[in-house]
Every structure is written in C-alpha cells, then in structure tokens.
Amino acid sequence: MEIIIEWQDSKYPQFNLSLASKPGNDPFLVVKGCRIVSGKDGEFVSGPSTKGNNDKYWNHTYMSKDFSAVVLEKAKECQPQKSAPAKTAREAAQDPFEDNIPF
C-alpha cells in the first residue's frame, strides 16, 4: 500500500491523505482536511471533524495508533517549511544588519 500526503495551501496547515494499492495506482481512499495537532502526549494526526451545537467536535475518521504514527512521520517529512514574511522597504531600511546596501 502507498500512503500519499498532499499539503494544502490554506490559512491553517492541513493535508490530504490518500491510499493507493501500490505506487503509481490511483488512490482508492482520500481523506481531506487532516492536521498535525500537539496534544498532552505529543503530536498526532487529526482527521476532519465537525463542531456540534454543544461545542463538541465529532470526528469523521478514525485511525489506529500504528497507522497514525506512519502518517505523522510521512506528513512531517514533506511538510512545507514556514518562511519568514518578506520585509517591506521601510523595514529593510531600518534594519542595521541589512547587508544589501547599494554603496
């Protein structure tokens, strides 16, 4: 079985999890909206969920602990790195360590 992770460009980091019978085959299952969450026992993969009327979240998928650990490892391997936002011209001019000085 092949596990495919596709990170989505969205406000909150999330990824789609696809399962295929073997590399190169079309996925037979796609779970959209998975996230890496930090809990009291460490990080884990959270599947999509819906918030109910009583502010309780209802999970749409369940993963075994072993499968979740494999998905977490693969997701972290290909997770896009956060880049620092580009400086504005004013911020760059005020930076005393800016070494892109034109003279």
C-alpha atoms as a PDB file:
ATOM      1  CA  MET A   1       0.000   0.000   0.000  1.00  0.00           C
ATOM      2  CA  GLU A   2       1.190   3.530  -0.739  1.00  0.00           C
ATOM      3  CA  ILE A   3       0.417   6.479   1.526  1.00  0.00           C
ATOM      4  CA  ILE A   4       0.347   9.834  -0.283  1.00  0.00           C
ATOM      5  CA  ILE A   5       0.390  13.152   1.600  1.00  0.00           C
ATOM      6  CA  GLU A   6      -0.557  16.397  -0.182  1.00  0.00           C
ATOM      7  CA  TRP A   7      -0.187  19.577   1.871  1.00  0.00           C
ATOM      8  CA  GLN A   8      -2.776  22.252   1.104  1.00  0.00           C
ATOM      9  CA  ASP A   9      -2.055  25.958   0.903  1.00  0.00           C
ATOM     10  CA  SER A  10      -4.603  27.321   3.366  1.00  0.00           C
ATOM     11  CA  LYS A  11      -4.905  29.556   6.409  1.00  0.00           C
ATOM     12  CA  TYR A  12      -4.280  26.602   8.733  1.00  0.00           C
ATOM     13  CA  PRO A  13      -1.762  23.862   7.849  1.00  0.00           C
ATOM     14  CA  GLN A  14      -3.652  20.813   6.633  1.00  0.00           C
ATOM     15  CA  PHE A  15      -3.101  17.937   4.255  1.00  0.00           C
ATOM     16  CA  ASN A  16      -4.986  15.343   2.251  1.00  0.00           C
ATOM     17  CA  LEU A  17      -4.221  11.692   2.929  1.00  0.00           C
ATOM     18  CA  SER A  18      -4.571   9.264   0.002  1.00  0.00           C
ATOM     19  CA  LEU A  19      -4.171   5.492  -0.022  1.00  0.00           C
ATOM     20  CA  ALA A  20      -3.332   3.515  -3.160  1.00  0.00           C
ATOM     21  CA  SER A  21      -2.900  -0.237  -3.531  1.00  0.00           C
ATOM     22  CA  LYS A  22       0.616   0.244  -4.948  1.00  0.00           C
ATOM     23  CA  PRO A  23       2.824   3.085  -6.209  1.00  0.00           C
ATOM     24  CA  GLY A  24       1.511   4.595  -9.430  1.00  0.00           C
ATOM     25  CA  ASN A  25      -2.074   3.398  -8.948  1.00  0.00           C
ATOM     26  CA  ASP A  26      -4.966   5.785  -8.429  1.00  0.00           C
ATOM     27  CA  PRO A  27      -5.922   6.217  -4.767  1.00  0.00           C
ATOM     28  CA  PHE A  28      -8.825   4.118  -3.528  1.00  0.00           C
ATOM     29  CA  LEU A  29      -9.358   6.363  -0.481  1.00  0.00           C
ATOM     30  CA  VAL A  30      -8.807  10.103   0.059  1.00  0.00           C
ATOM     31  CA  VAL A  31      -9.265  11.820   3.424  1.00  0.00           C
ATOM     32  CA  LYS A  32      -9.265  15.611   3.089  1.00  0.00           C
ATOM     33  CA  GLY A  33      -8.516  18.078   5.878  1.00  0.00           C
ATOM     34  CA  CYS A  34      -6.080  16.159   8.101  1.00  0.00           C
ATOM     35  CA  ARG A  35      -3.890  18.147  10.508  1.00  0.00           C
ATOM     36  CA  ILE A  36      -0.950  17.611  12.829  1.00  0.00           C
ATOM     37  CA  VAL A  37      -2.037  18.502  16.367  1.00  0.00           C
ATOM     38  CA  SER A  38       0.035  18.844  19.541  1.00  0.00           C
ATOM     39  CA  GLY A  39      -1.647  17.079  22.440  1.00  0.00           C
ATOM     40  CA  LYS A  40      -0.687  16.344  26.029  1.00  0.00           C
ATOM     41  CA  ASP A  41       1.010  13.093  24.909  1.00  0.00           C
ATOM     42  CA  GLY A  42       2.769  14.645  21.894  1.00  0.00           C
ATOM     43  CA  GLU A  43       1.857  15.220  18.267  1.00  0.00           C
ATOM     44  CA  PHE A  44      -0.793  13.198  16.458  1.00  0.00           C
ATOM     45  CA  VAL A  45      -2.750  13.238  13.193  1.00  0.00           C
ATOM     46  CA  SER A  46      -6.267  14.582  13.450  1.00  0.00           C
ATOM     47  CA  GLY A  47      -8.733  13.742  10.709  1.00  0.00           C
ATOM     48  CA  PRO A  48     -11.535  16.046   9.617  1.00  0.00           C
ATOM     49  CA  SER A  49     -14.181  16.841  12.209  1.00  0.00           C
ATOM     50  CA  THR A  50     -17.290  18.966  12.661  1.00  0.00           C
ATOM     51  CA  LYS A  51     -18.154  21.150  15.618  1.00  0.00           C
ATOM     52  CA  GLY A  52     -21.591  20.315  17.016  1.00  0.00           C
ATOM     53  CA  ASN A  53     -24.137  22.591  18.687  1.00  0.00           C
ATOM     54  CA  ASN A  54     -22.715  21.796  22.130  1.00  0.00           C
ATOM     55  CA  ASP A  55     -19.157  22.897  21.109  1.00  0.00           C
ATOM     56  CA  LYS A  56     -18.054  19.251  20.962  1.00  0.00           C
ATOM     57  CA  TYR A  57     -16.074  18.099  17.914  1.00  0.00           C
ATOM     58  CA  TRP A  58     -17.250  14.966  16.065  1.00  0.00           C
ATOM     59  CA  ASN A  59     -14.564  13.028  14.172  1.00  0.00           C
ATOM     60  CA  HIS A  60     -15.295  11.836  10.634  1.00  0.00           C
ATOM     61  CA  THR A  61     -12.440   9.307  10.539  1.00  0.00           C
ATOM     62  CA  TYR A  62     -10.633   7.083  12.984  1.00  0.00           C
ATOM     63  CA  MET A  63      -7.055   5.803  12.601  1.00  0.00           C
ATOM     64  CA  SER A  64      -5.265   3.144  14.574  1.00  0.00           C
ATOM     65  CA  LYS A  65      -2.332   4.328  16.664  1.00  0.00           C
ATOM     66  CA  ASP A  66       0.180   2.492  14.419  1.00  0.00           C
ATOM     67  CA  PHE A  67      -1.296   3.824  11.172  1.00  0.00           C
ATOM     68  CA  SER A  68      -1.490   7.336  12.618  1.00  0.00           C
ATOM     69  CA  ALA A  69       2.212   7.147  13.572  1.00  0.00           C
ATOM     70  CA  VAL A  70       3.180   6.222   9.979  1.00  0.00           C
ATOM     71  CA  VAL A  71       1.028   9.039   8.552  1.00  0.00           C
ATOM     72  CA  LEU A  72       2.506  11.518  11.054  1.00  0.00           C
ATOM     73  CA  GLU A  73       6.061  10.570  10.043  1.00  0.00           C
ATOM     74  CA  LYS A  74       5.303  10.878   6.306  1.00  0.00           C
ATOM     75  CA  ALA A  75       3.428  14.169   6.773  1.00  0.00           C
ATOM     76  CA  LYS A  76       6.285  15.717   8.757  1.00  0.00           C
ATOM     77  CA  GLU A  77       8.837  14.594   6.119  1.00  0.00           C
ATOM     78  CA  CYS A  78       7.095  16.543   3.362  1.00  0.00           C
ATOM     79  CA  GLN A  79       5.613  19.397   5.418  1.00  0.00           C
ATOM     80  CA  PRO A  80       6.305  22.760   3.779  1.00  0.00           C
ATOM     81  CA  GLN A  81       8.700  24.878   5.798  1.00  0.00           C
ATOM     82  CA  LYS A  82       7.400  28.163   7.121  1.00  0.00           C
ATOM     83  CA  SER A  83       9.252  31.070   5.605  1.00  0.00           C
ATOM     84  CA  ALA A  84       9.651  34.439   7.210  1.00  0.00           C
ATOM     85  CA  PRO A  85       7.465  37.105   5.611  1.00  0.00           C
ATOM     86  CA  ALA A  86       9.312  39.379   3.221  1.00  0.00           C
ATOM     87  CA  LYS A  87      10.399  42.718   4.684  1.00  0.00           C
ATOM     88  CA  THR A  88       8.904  45.899   3.398  1.00  0.00           C
ATOM     89  CA  ALA A  89      11.296  48.538   2.027  1.00  0.00           C
ATOM     90  CA  ARG A  90      10.867  50.568   5.216  1.00  0.00           C
ATOM     91  CA  GLU A  91      11.666  47.578   7.462  1.00  0.00           C
ATOM     92  CA  ALA A  92      14.742  46.779   5.380  1.00  0.00           C
ATOM     93  CA  ALA A  93      15.923  50.401   5.602  1.00  0.00           C
ATOM     94  CA  GLN A  94      15.591  50.338   9.408  1.00  0.00           C
ATOM     95  CA  ASP A  95      17.458  47.030   9.780  1.00  0.00           C
ATOM     96  CA  PRO A  96      21.020  47.849  10.979  1.00  0.00           C
ATOM     97  CA  PHE A  97      22.237  44.456   9.772  1.00  0.00           C
ATOM     98  CA  GLU A  98      20.935  44.782   6.245  1.00  0.00           C
ATOM     99  CA  ASP A  99      23.888  43.951   4.028  1.00  0.00           C
ATOM    100  CA  ASN A 100      22.180  44.770   0.745  1.00  0.00           C
ATOM    101  CA  ILE A 101      23.448  48.366   0.802  1.00  0.00           C
ATOM    102  CA  PRO A 102      23.833  49.881  -2.692  1.00  0.00           C
ATOM    103  CA  PHE A 103      27.151  51.686  -1.947  1.00  0.00           C
END
